[in-house]
Amino acid sequence: MTASPTNPGPRATAGYLLRAWRLELRQLVRTRLYVFLAVFLPLICASLAFYMLDGSDRDIAPVSVALSAGLMGMWSSTLLGSGNAINRLRWMQVLEPLVASPRSTFLITLPFALATATLGVYGLAATLAWSALLFDMPLHLADPALFLLALPATVLALGMLGLLLSSAFILYPTAQSLANFFEYPVWMLSGMLAPVSTLPEPVRVISWCLSPTWGVKALEGAALGTSGAARAVGMCVLLSAVYGALTLLLQRRFEWMARSSGTLALQ
């Protein structure tokens, strides 16, 4: 099939996503709020966790503490950035023209979610370095190759979950306050604050449906050499695909409802 303005080919779509991702990432690193959430917040959380565990009889690997703190910052920046992306387009008065363009709204918002999740990689690296320098954490990865494979899978997983939650912003401009509610529950349910095994049995079912849970398992498994890390990477990719399909359906539905009610550009 020949590419056209209304039906761009895969190469044109990939090029657009790459350029949009790079542009959004450059804008994010110049925004103090996102830099604080993605880089400095994990350092604070990791420092508090190490001081709390100092002298404790709990057997927790230091690298698990550092990874969990880094992922907490990654999820915070992803959740805020994915939601603010649509509102930012609305404030700039370009949301209506973009929605009316031939390109899918899903492809327009996807780079925003991936860029905010990618920004969390800086925080993850900074947290590992911080923990190694200040708290004498052994900076050793049992399977570096698998860790490098798990990292982009986790970025994709968190980005797609943030994009799924931000779908409602097309219809409800004030949904940002509701999205902030999901920050702490995802921390808890995904194993960033406490192991999933300590949660009640009914709650664990919800945890296994969240892609950040598998991201935590993949990164910790690759770092510590425990079993199940490769399977967790596969689950990250699978759940990301499921989230992408749900996001596409919800965005189309919410977009139609916003157009019908004439509230697409309302702030």
Protein backbone atom coordinates (compact mmCIF):
# COMPACT_ATOMS: atom_id res chain seq x y z
CA MET A 1 0.00 0.00 0.00
CA THR A 2 1.37 3.41 -0.99
CA ALA A 3 1.92 5.95 1.77
CA SER A 4 -0.17 9.12 1.61
CA PRO A 5 -0.82 12.12 3.87
CA THR A 6 -3.88 10.35 5.27
CA ASN A 7 -2.18 6.96 5.45
CA PRO A 8 1.54 7.37 6.21
CA GLY A 9 3.74 4.36 5.85
CA PRO A 10 5.53 2.59 8.73
CA ARG A 11 8.80 4.41 8.05
CA ALA A 12 7.14 7.82 8.14
CA THR A 13 5.26 6.93 11.33
CA ALA A 14 8.42 5.66 13.01
CA GLY A 15 10.27 8.82 12.01
CA TYR A 16 7.49 10.99 13.38
CA LEU A 17 7.44 9.11 16.70
CA LEU A 18 11.21 9.40 17.06
CA ARG A 19 11.25 13.14 16.33
CA ALA A 20 8.30 13.83 18.62
CA TRP A 21 9.88 11.74 21.41
CA ARG A 22 13.19 13.62 21.14
CA LEU A 23 11.45 17.02 21.10
CA GLU A 24 9.32 16.21 24.14
CA LEU A 25 12.31 14.79 26.02
CA ARG A 26 14.28 17.99 25.39
CA GLN A 27 11.39 20.04 26.72
CA LEU A 28 11.07 17.87 29.82
CA VAL A 29 14.73 18.14 30.83
CA ARG A 30 14.28 21.92 30.83
CA THR A 31 11.29 21.75 33.18
CA ARG A 32 12.25 21.85 36.85
CA LEU A 33 9.18 19.98 38.07
CA TYR A 34 9.81 16.93 35.89
CA VAL A 35 13.52 16.93 36.68
CA PHE A 36 12.71 16.99 40.39
CA LEU A 37 10.18 14.14 40.11
CA ALA A 38 12.36 11.96 37.90
CA VAL A 39 15.82 12.62 39.37
CA PHE A 40 15.73 14.18 42.83
CA LEU A 41 12.63 12.51 44.27
CA PRO A 42 14.15 9.01 43.88
CA LEU A 43 17.31 10.20 45.65
CA ILE A 44 15.25 11.40 48.60
CA CYS A 45 13.22 8.17 48.73
CA ALA A 46 16.34 6.01 48.46
CA SER A 47 18.10 7.95 51.24
CA LEU A 48 15.11 7.62 53.56
CA ALA A 49 14.83 3.90 52.82
CA PHE A 50 18.51 3.25 53.49
CA TYR A 51 18.41 5.17 56.77
CA MET A 52 15.25 3.30 57.85
CA LEU A 53 16.82 -0.06 57.03
CA ASP A 54 20.11 0.77 58.75
CA GLY A 55 20.33 -1.49 61.77
CA SER A 56 17.16 -3.35 60.83
CA ASP A 57 17.07 -7.14 60.80
CA ARG A 58 15.14 -7.23 57.52
CA ASP A 59 17.07 -8.93 54.74
CA ILE A 60 16.56 -6.65 51.75
CA ALA A 61 19.09 -6.33 48.95
CA PRO A 62 20.37 -2.73 48.70
CA VAL A 63 19.99 -2.77 44.92
CA SER A 64 16.29 -3.55 45.36
CA VAL A 65 15.90 -0.41 47.47
CA ALA A 66 17.67 1.73 44.86
CA LEU A 67 15.70 0.27 41.95
CA SER A 68 12.38 0.72 43.74
CA ALA A 69 13.18 4.36 44.51
CA GLY A 70 14.18 5.00 40.89
CA LEU A 71 10.99 3.38 39.59
CA MET A 72 8.91 5.47 41.97
CA GLY A 73 10.30 8.61 40.37
CA MET A 74 9.82 7.16 36.91
CA TRP A 75 6.15 6.46 37.58
CA SER A 76 5.56 9.91 39.13
CA SER A 77 7.02 11.72 36.14
CA THR A 78 5.17 9.43 33.71
CA LEU A 79 1.80 9.94 35.37
CA LEU A 80 2.17 13.70 35.56
CA GLY A 81 3.67 14.09 32.10
CA SER A 82 1.15 11.89 30.30
CA GLY A 83 -1.77 13.83 31.76
CA ASN A 84 -0.27 17.25 31.35
CA ALA A 85 0.57 16.55 27.72
CA ILE A 86 -3.07 16.68 26.60
CA ASN A 87 -3.84 19.64 28.84
CA ARG A 88 -0.75 21.42 27.53
CA LEU A 89 -1.95 20.94 23.96
CA ARG A 90 -5.33 22.27 25.03
CA TRP A 91 -3.78 25.35 26.67
CA MET A 92 -1.71 26.00 23.53
CA GLN A 93 -4.96 25.77 21.50
CA VAL A 94 -3.56 23.11 19.18
CA LEU A 95 -5.50 20.11 20.50
CA GLU A 96 -8.44 20.62 18.14
CA PRO A 97 -6.29 20.91 14.98
CA LEU A 98 -4.26 17.86 16.00
CA VAL A 99 -7.36 15.77 16.69
CA ALA A 100 -8.83 16.89 13.36
CA SER A 101 -5.64 15.92 11.50
CA PRO A 102 -5.42 12.61 9.64
CA ARG A 103 -2.95 11.21 12.15
CA SER A 104 -4.38 9.16 15.01
CA THR A 105 -4.69 10.83 18.41
CA PHE A 106 -2.96 7.76 19.85
CA LEU A 107 0.16 8.44 17.78
CA ILE A 108 0.05 12.11 18.80
CA THR A 109 0.01 11.36 22.53
CA LEU A 110 2.28 8.28 22.52
CA PRO A 111 5.60 10.21 22.33
CA PHE A 112 4.61 12.30 25.36
CA ALA A 113 4.12 9.22 27.53
CA LEU A 114 7.30 7.52 26.33
CA ALA A 115 9.36 10.70 26.81
CA THR A 116 8.25 11.16 30.42
CA ALA A 117 8.97 7.50 31.17
CA THR A 118 12.37 7.80 29.48
CA LEU A 119 13.19 10.77 31.69
CA GLY A 120 12.90 8.38 34.62
CA VAL A 121 15.93 6.47 33.30
CA TYR A 122 18.07 9.43 34.36
CA GLY A 123 16.60 9.15 37.85
CA LEU A 124 17.20 5.40 37.95
CA ALA A 125 20.84 5.81 36.96
CA ALA A 126 21.31 8.68 39.41
CA THR A 127 19.74 6.63 42.23
CA LEU A 128 22.04 3.68 41.60
CA ALA A 129 25.09 5.94 41.54
CA TRP A 130 23.89 7.84 44.64
CA SER A 131 23.32 4.61 46.57
CA ALA A 132 26.71 3.23 45.57
CA LEU A 133 28.62 6.37 46.54
CA LEU A 134 26.84 7.33 49.76
CA PHE A 135 25.56 4.02 51.11
CA ASP A 136 28.26 1.63 49.85
CA MET A 137 25.79 -0.34 47.76
CA PRO A 138 27.57 -2.94 45.58
CA LEU A 139 27.05 -1.74 42.03
CA HIS A 140 26.95 -5.20 40.49
CA LEU A 141 24.40 -6.61 38.03
CA ALA A 142 24.03 -10.38 37.84
CA ASP A 143 22.87 -10.22 34.20
CA PRO A 144 23.77 -6.88 32.56
CA ALA A 145 22.41 -7.92 29.14
CA LEU A 146 19.03 -8.85 30.57
CA PHE A 147 19.01 -5.65 32.64
CA LEU A 148 19.55 -3.57 29.49
CA LEU A 149 16.68 -5.47 27.86
CA ALA A 150 14.41 -5.04 30.88
CA LEU A 151 15.01 -1.29 31.10
CA PRO A 152 13.33 -0.26 27.79
CA ALA A 153 10.58 -2.83 28.42
CA THR A 154 9.88 -1.16 31.76
CA VAL A 155 9.93 2.30 30.18
CA LEU A 156 7.42 1.10 27.59
CA ALA A 157 5.25 -0.54 30.26
CA LEU A 158 5.07 2.54 32.47
CA GLY A 159 4.54 4.84 29.50
CA MET A 160 1.62 2.82 28.15
CA LEU A 161 -0.05 2.64 31.56
CA GLY A 162 0.30 6.40 31.95
CA LEU A 163 -1.11 6.90 28.47
CA LEU A 164 -4.07 4.66 29.30
CA LEU A 165 -4.91 6.65 32.42
CA SER A 166 -4.55 9.95 30.56
CA SER A 167 -7.12 8.99 27.92
CA ALA A 168 -9.87 10.52 30.04
CA PHE A 169 -8.17 13.93 29.79
CA ILE A 170 -9.52 14.31 26.26
CA LEU A 171 -13.05 14.34 27.65
CA TYR A 172 -12.44 15.68 31.17
CA PRO A 173 -9.92 18.56 31.35
CA THR A 174 -9.94 18.43 35.17
CA ALA A 175 -9.02 14.74 35.33
CA GLN A 176 -5.43 15.60 36.35
CA SER A 177 -6.48 15.71 40.00
CA LEU A 178 -7.93 12.21 39.63
CA ALA A 179 -4.78 10.95 37.91
CA ASN A 180 -2.67 12.12 40.85
CA PHE A 181 -4.64 9.67 42.98
CA PHE A 182 -3.06 6.74 41.13
CA GLU A 183 0.50 7.63 42.10
CA TYR A 184 0.67 6.03 45.55
CA PRO A 185 -1.60 3.00 44.82
CA VAL A 186 0.61 1.97 41.90
CA TRP A 187 3.69 2.38 44.11
CA MET A 188 2.14 0.00 46.60
CA LEU A 189 0.50 -2.50 44.25
CA SER A 190 3.48 -2.88 41.93
CA GLY A 191 5.97 -3.76 44.66
CA MET A 192 7.90 -0.49 44.72
CA LEU A 193 7.09 0.19 48.38
CA ALA A 194 6.54 -3.36 49.61
CA PRO A 195 6.89 -6.83 48.05
CA VAL A 196 3.81 -8.03 46.25
CA SER A 197 3.96 -11.23 48.28
CA THR A 198 3.07 -9.25 51.42
CA LEU A 199 -0.19 -7.98 49.94
CA PRO A 200 -3.52 -9.75 50.55
CA GLU A 201 -4.33 -12.47 48.04
CA PRO A 202 -7.22 -10.61 46.31
CA VAL A 203 -5.03 -7.53 45.88
CA ARG A 204 -2.26 -9.53 44.23
CA VAL A 205 -4.56 -10.21 41.28
CA ILE A 206 -4.65 -6.48 40.62
CA SER A 207 -0.88 -6.29 41.00
CA TRP A 208 -0.27 -8.91 38.32
CA CYS A 209 -2.43 -6.89 35.91
CA LEU A 210 -0.23 -3.82 36.33
CA SER A 211 2.77 -3.57 34.04
CA PRO A 212 4.95 -1.76 36.64
CA THR A 213 4.76 -4.92 38.77
CA TRP A 214 6.50 -6.87 36.03
CA GLY A 215 8.92 -4.01 35.41
CA VAL A 216 10.03 -4.16 39.05
CA LYS A 217 10.34 -7.95 38.83
CA ALA A 218 12.31 -7.77 35.58
CA LEU A 219 14.84 -5.19 36.78
CA GLU A 220 15.31 -6.75 40.20
CA GLY A 221 15.59 -10.23 38.69
CA ALA A 222 18.24 -9.10 36.21
CA ALA A 223 20.15 -7.22 38.91
CA LEU A 224 20.03 -9.98 41.53
CA GLY A 225 20.07 -13.00 39.22
CA THR A 226 16.75 -14.41 40.41
CA SER A 227 14.52 -16.50 38.18
CA GLY A 228 11.60 -15.10 36.23
CA ALA A 229 13.24 -11.93 34.91
CA ALA A 230 12.96 -12.92 31.24
CA ARG A 231 9.31 -13.87 31.72
CA ALA A 232 8.70 -10.52 33.42
CA VAL A 233 10.14 -8.72 30.38
CA GLY A 234 7.72 -10.62 28.16
CA MET A 235 4.82 -9.68 30.44
CA CYS A 236 5.85 -6.01 30.23
CA VAL A 237 5.66 -6.15 26.45
CA LEU A 238 2.38 -8.10 26.49
CA LEU A 239 0.65 -5.75 28.93
CA SER A 240 1.97 -2.75 27.00
CA ALA A 241 0.26 -4.09 23.88
CA VAL A 242 -2.97 -4.63 25.84
CA TYR A 243 -2.79 -1.11 27.28
CA GLY A 244 -2.13 0.28 23.80
CA ALA A 245 -5.24 -1.42 22.39
CA LEU A 246 -7.38 -0.20 25.28
CA THR A 247 -5.99 3.32 24.96
CA LEU A 248 -6.78 3.38 21.25
CA LEU A 249 -10.39 2.35 21.90
CA LEU A 250 -10.87 4.76 24.81
CA GLN A 251 -9.33 7.70 22.99
CA ARG A 252 -11.59 7.18 20.00
CA ARG A 253 -14.62 6.96 22.27
CA PHE A 254 -13.68 9.98 24.39
CA GLU A 255 -12.73 11.95 21.30
CA TRP A 256 -16.16 11.29 19.77
CA MET A 257 -17.89 12.25 23.02
CA ALA A 258 -15.85 15.47 23.34
CA ARG A 259 -16.65 16.42 19.75
CA SER A 260 -20.34 15.68 20.23
CA SER A 261 -20.56 17.79 23.37
CA GLY A 262 -18.29 20.52 22.07
CA THR A 263 -15.95 20.30 25.08
CA LEU A 264 -12.72 19.33 23.33
CA ALA A 265 -11.13 22.76 23.72
CA LEU A 266 -12.61 23.61 27.12
CA GLN A 267 -10.03 24.17 29.87
